[in-house]
N, C-alpha and C. Protein backbone atom coordinates (compact mmCIF):
# COMPACT_ATOMS: atom_id res chain seq x y z
N MET A 1 178.89 171.28 58.17
CA MET A 1 179.68 171.59 59.34
C MET A 1 179.86 173.10 59.44
N GLY A 2 179.97 173.56 60.68
CA GLY A 2 180.21 174.97 60.90
C GLY A 2 178.97 175.84 60.96
N CYS A 3 177.79 175.25 60.76
CA CYS A 3 176.56 176.03 60.83
C CYS A 3 176.21 176.32 62.29
N GLN A 4 175.62 177.49 62.53
CA GLN A 4 175.13 177.83 63.86
C GLN A 4 173.81 177.08 64.07
N VAL A 5 173.66 176.47 65.24
CA VAL A 5 172.44 175.73 65.57
C VAL A 5 171.66 176.54 66.60
N VAL A 6 170.38 176.83 66.26
CA VAL A 6 169.55 177.72 67.06
C VAL A 6 168.18 177.07 67.26
N THR A 7 167.59 177.26 68.44
CA THR A 7 166.24 176.76 68.68
C THR A 7 165.23 177.67 67.98
N GLU A 8 164.01 177.21 67.86
CA GLU A 8 162.94 178.03 67.28
C GLU A 8 162.72 179.31 68.09
N ALA A 9 163.05 179.26 69.38
CA ALA A 9 162.90 180.43 70.25
C ALA A 9 164.08 181.40 70.12
N GLY A 10 165.10 181.03 69.32
CA GLY A 10 166.23 181.92 69.11
C GLY A 10 167.43 181.67 70.00
N GLU A 11 167.38 180.64 70.83
CA GLU A 11 168.50 180.32 71.72
C GLU A 11 169.62 179.64 70.91
N VAL A 12 170.80 180.21 70.95
CA VAL A 12 171.94 179.64 70.24
C VAL A 12 172.48 178.46 71.05
N LEU A 13 172.52 177.28 70.41
CA LEU A 13 173.02 176.09 71.09
C LEU A 13 174.50 175.87 70.82
N GLY A 14 174.96 176.33 69.69
CA GLY A 14 176.37 176.15 69.35
C GLY A 14 176.54 175.97 67.86
N GLU A 15 177.62 175.30 67.49
CA GLU A 15 177.99 175.11 66.10
C GLU A 15 178.00 173.62 65.76
N LEU A 16 177.49 173.28 64.58
CA LEU A 16 177.50 171.89 64.13
C LEU A 16 178.94 171.47 63.87
N LYS A 17 179.41 170.48 64.62
CA LYS A 17 180.79 170.03 64.51
C LYS A 17 180.93 168.70 63.79
N ASP A 18 179.88 167.86 63.84
CA ASP A 18 179.98 166.54 63.24
C ASP A 18 178.58 165.97 63.05
N VAL A 19 178.48 164.98 62.20
CA VAL A 19 177.25 164.22 62.02
C VAL A 19 177.61 162.75 62.19
N ILE A 20 176.95 162.11 63.14
CA ILE A 20 177.22 160.70 63.43
C ILE A 20 176.14 159.86 62.77
N PRO A 21 176.53 159.00 61.82
CA PRO A 21 175.52 158.12 61.23
C PRO A 21 175.16 157.02 62.23
N SER A 22 173.88 156.73 62.33
CA SER A 22 173.46 155.64 63.21
C SER A 22 172.38 154.84 62.48
N GLY A 23 171.93 153.79 63.06
CA GLY A 23 170.97 152.89 62.41
C GLY A 23 169.70 153.55 61.93
N GLY A 24 169.00 154.25 62.83
CA GLY A 24 167.71 154.82 62.49
C GLY A 24 167.78 156.20 61.88
N ASN A 25 168.61 157.05 62.43
CA ASN A 25 168.75 158.42 61.94
C ASN A 25 170.13 158.94 62.33
N ASP A 26 170.58 159.96 61.62
CA ASP A 26 171.86 160.58 61.96
C ASP A 26 171.71 161.39 63.24
N ILE A 27 172.84 161.71 63.84
CA ILE A 27 172.86 162.52 65.06
C ILE A 27 173.78 163.70 64.81
N PHE A 28 173.26 164.92 65.05
CA PHE A 28 174.07 166.13 64.91
C PHE A 28 174.83 166.36 66.20
N VAL A 29 176.14 166.59 66.09
CA VAL A 29 176.97 166.92 67.24
C VAL A 29 177.15 168.44 67.23
N VAL A 30 176.61 169.09 68.27
CA VAL A 30 176.63 170.55 68.36
C VAL A 30 177.54 170.93 69.52
N GLN A 31 178.51 171.79 69.24
CA GLN A 31 179.44 172.24 70.28
C GLN A 31 179.12 173.67 70.67
N GLY A 32 178.72 173.84 71.92
CA GLY A 32 178.49 175.16 72.49
C GLY A 32 179.22 175.18 73.81
N LYS A 33 178.51 175.59 74.87
CA LYS A 33 179.10 175.52 76.22
C LYS A 33 179.43 174.07 76.54
N LYS A 34 178.56 173.18 76.07
CA LYS A 34 178.77 171.73 76.21
C LYS A 34 178.44 171.09 74.87
N GLU A 35 178.90 169.88 74.68
CA GLU A 35 178.55 169.14 73.48
C GLU A 35 177.13 168.61 73.62
N ILE A 36 176.31 168.82 72.60
CA ILE A 36 174.92 168.38 72.60
C ILE A 36 174.71 167.46 71.41
N LEU A 37 174.04 166.35 71.63
CA LEU A 37 173.70 165.42 70.56
C LEU A 37 172.22 165.60 70.22
N ILE A 38 171.94 165.94 68.97
CA ILE A 38 170.58 166.21 68.54
C ILE A 38 170.20 165.23 67.44
N PRO A 39 169.10 164.50 67.60
CA PRO A 39 168.69 163.56 66.55
C PRO A 39 168.27 164.32 65.29
N ALA A 40 168.75 163.87 64.15
CA ALA A 40 168.43 164.51 62.88
C ALA A 40 167.13 163.93 62.33
N LEU A 41 166.04 164.34 62.95
CA LEU A 41 164.70 163.91 62.55
C LEU A 41 163.93 165.09 61.98
N LYS A 42 162.99 164.83 61.08
CA LYS A 42 162.18 165.91 60.50
C LYS A 42 161.42 166.68 61.57
N THR A 43 161.05 166.00 62.65
CA THR A 43 160.31 166.66 63.72
C THR A 43 161.21 167.56 64.58
N VAL A 44 162.52 167.36 64.49
CA VAL A 44 163.48 168.12 65.31
C VAL A 44 164.19 169.19 64.48
N ILE A 45 164.66 168.83 63.31
CA ILE A 45 165.38 169.77 62.44
C ILE A 45 164.34 170.51 61.60
N LYS A 46 164.06 171.74 61.95
CA LYS A 46 163.00 172.50 61.30
C LYS A 46 163.44 173.18 60.02
N GLN A 47 164.69 173.67 59.99
CA GLN A 47 165.17 174.36 58.80
C GLN A 47 166.68 174.29 58.74
N ILE A 48 167.20 174.03 57.54
CA ILE A 48 168.64 174.10 57.30
C ILE A 48 168.85 175.18 56.25
N ASP A 49 169.46 176.28 56.67
CA ASP A 49 169.68 177.43 55.81
C ASP A 49 171.18 177.49 55.50
N LEU A 50 171.59 176.78 54.45
CA LEU A 50 173.02 176.70 54.13
C LEU A 50 173.62 178.04 53.71
N PRO A 51 172.92 178.87 52.90
CA PRO A 51 173.54 180.16 52.55
C PRO A 51 173.89 181.02 53.77
N ASN A 52 173.05 180.96 54.81
CA ASN A 52 173.30 181.74 56.03
C ASN A 52 173.96 180.92 57.12
N ARG A 53 174.30 179.65 56.81
CA ARG A 53 174.98 178.74 57.75
C ARG A 53 174.26 178.68 59.10
N LYS A 54 172.95 178.37 59.02
CA LYS A 54 172.13 178.32 60.23
C LYS A 54 171.18 177.13 60.16
N ILE A 55 171.05 176.44 61.29
CA ILE A 55 170.12 175.32 61.42
C ILE A 55 169.18 175.63 62.57
N ILE A 56 167.88 175.56 62.29
CA ILE A 56 166.87 175.82 63.33
C ILE A 56 166.31 174.48 63.77
N VAL A 57 166.29 174.28 65.10
CA VAL A 57 165.84 173.01 65.66
C VAL A 57 164.74 173.21 66.69
N ALA A 58 163.96 172.15 66.87
CA ALA A 58 162.94 172.09 67.93
C ALA A 58 163.27 170.85 68.76
N PRO A 59 164.16 170.98 69.74
CA PRO A 59 164.58 169.82 70.53
C PRO A 59 163.39 169.15 71.23
N PRO A 60 163.39 167.82 71.30
CA PRO A 60 162.32 167.13 72.02
C PRO A 60 162.31 167.56 73.49
N PRO A 61 161.15 167.51 74.13
CA PRO A 61 161.06 167.88 75.55
C PRO A 61 162.09 167.11 76.39
N GLY A 62 162.80 167.86 77.20
CA GLY A 62 163.76 167.27 78.12
C GLY A 62 165.17 167.13 77.58
N LEU A 63 165.37 167.25 76.25
CA LEU A 63 166.69 167.03 75.68
C LEU A 63 167.71 168.06 76.19
N LEU A 64 167.39 169.32 76.15
CA LEU A 64 168.33 170.33 76.59
C LEU A 64 168.58 170.30 78.08
N GLU A 65 167.58 169.86 78.84
CA GLU A 65 167.74 169.76 80.30
C GLU A 65 168.80 168.71 80.66
N ILE A 66 168.94 167.71 79.82
CA ILE A 66 169.99 166.69 80.05
C ILE A 66 171.36 167.34 80.08
N TYR A 67 171.53 168.33 79.21
CA TYR A 67 172.82 169.01 79.09
C TYR A 67 172.91 170.27 79.93
N GLU A 68 171.86 170.56 80.72
CA GLU A 68 171.81 171.73 81.59
C GLU A 68 172.08 173.02 80.83
N ILE A 69 171.35 173.21 79.74
CA ILE A 69 171.50 174.42 78.92
C ILE A 69 170.54 175.47 79.45
């Protein structure tokens, strides 16, 4: 919790506020301008850098457009 979530392109999405366990995979709850739900999949979560409190993600096509980011 509290890590900054950033896209591979460097766009800051917000801060990791919660992790929701679900059947197939966990879901990261990111709070920025709006709350964004990001699936915690290997194809999406590219790097978790705990010492620097940063998570790099590659959101699936269309995910950010849902939230109008």
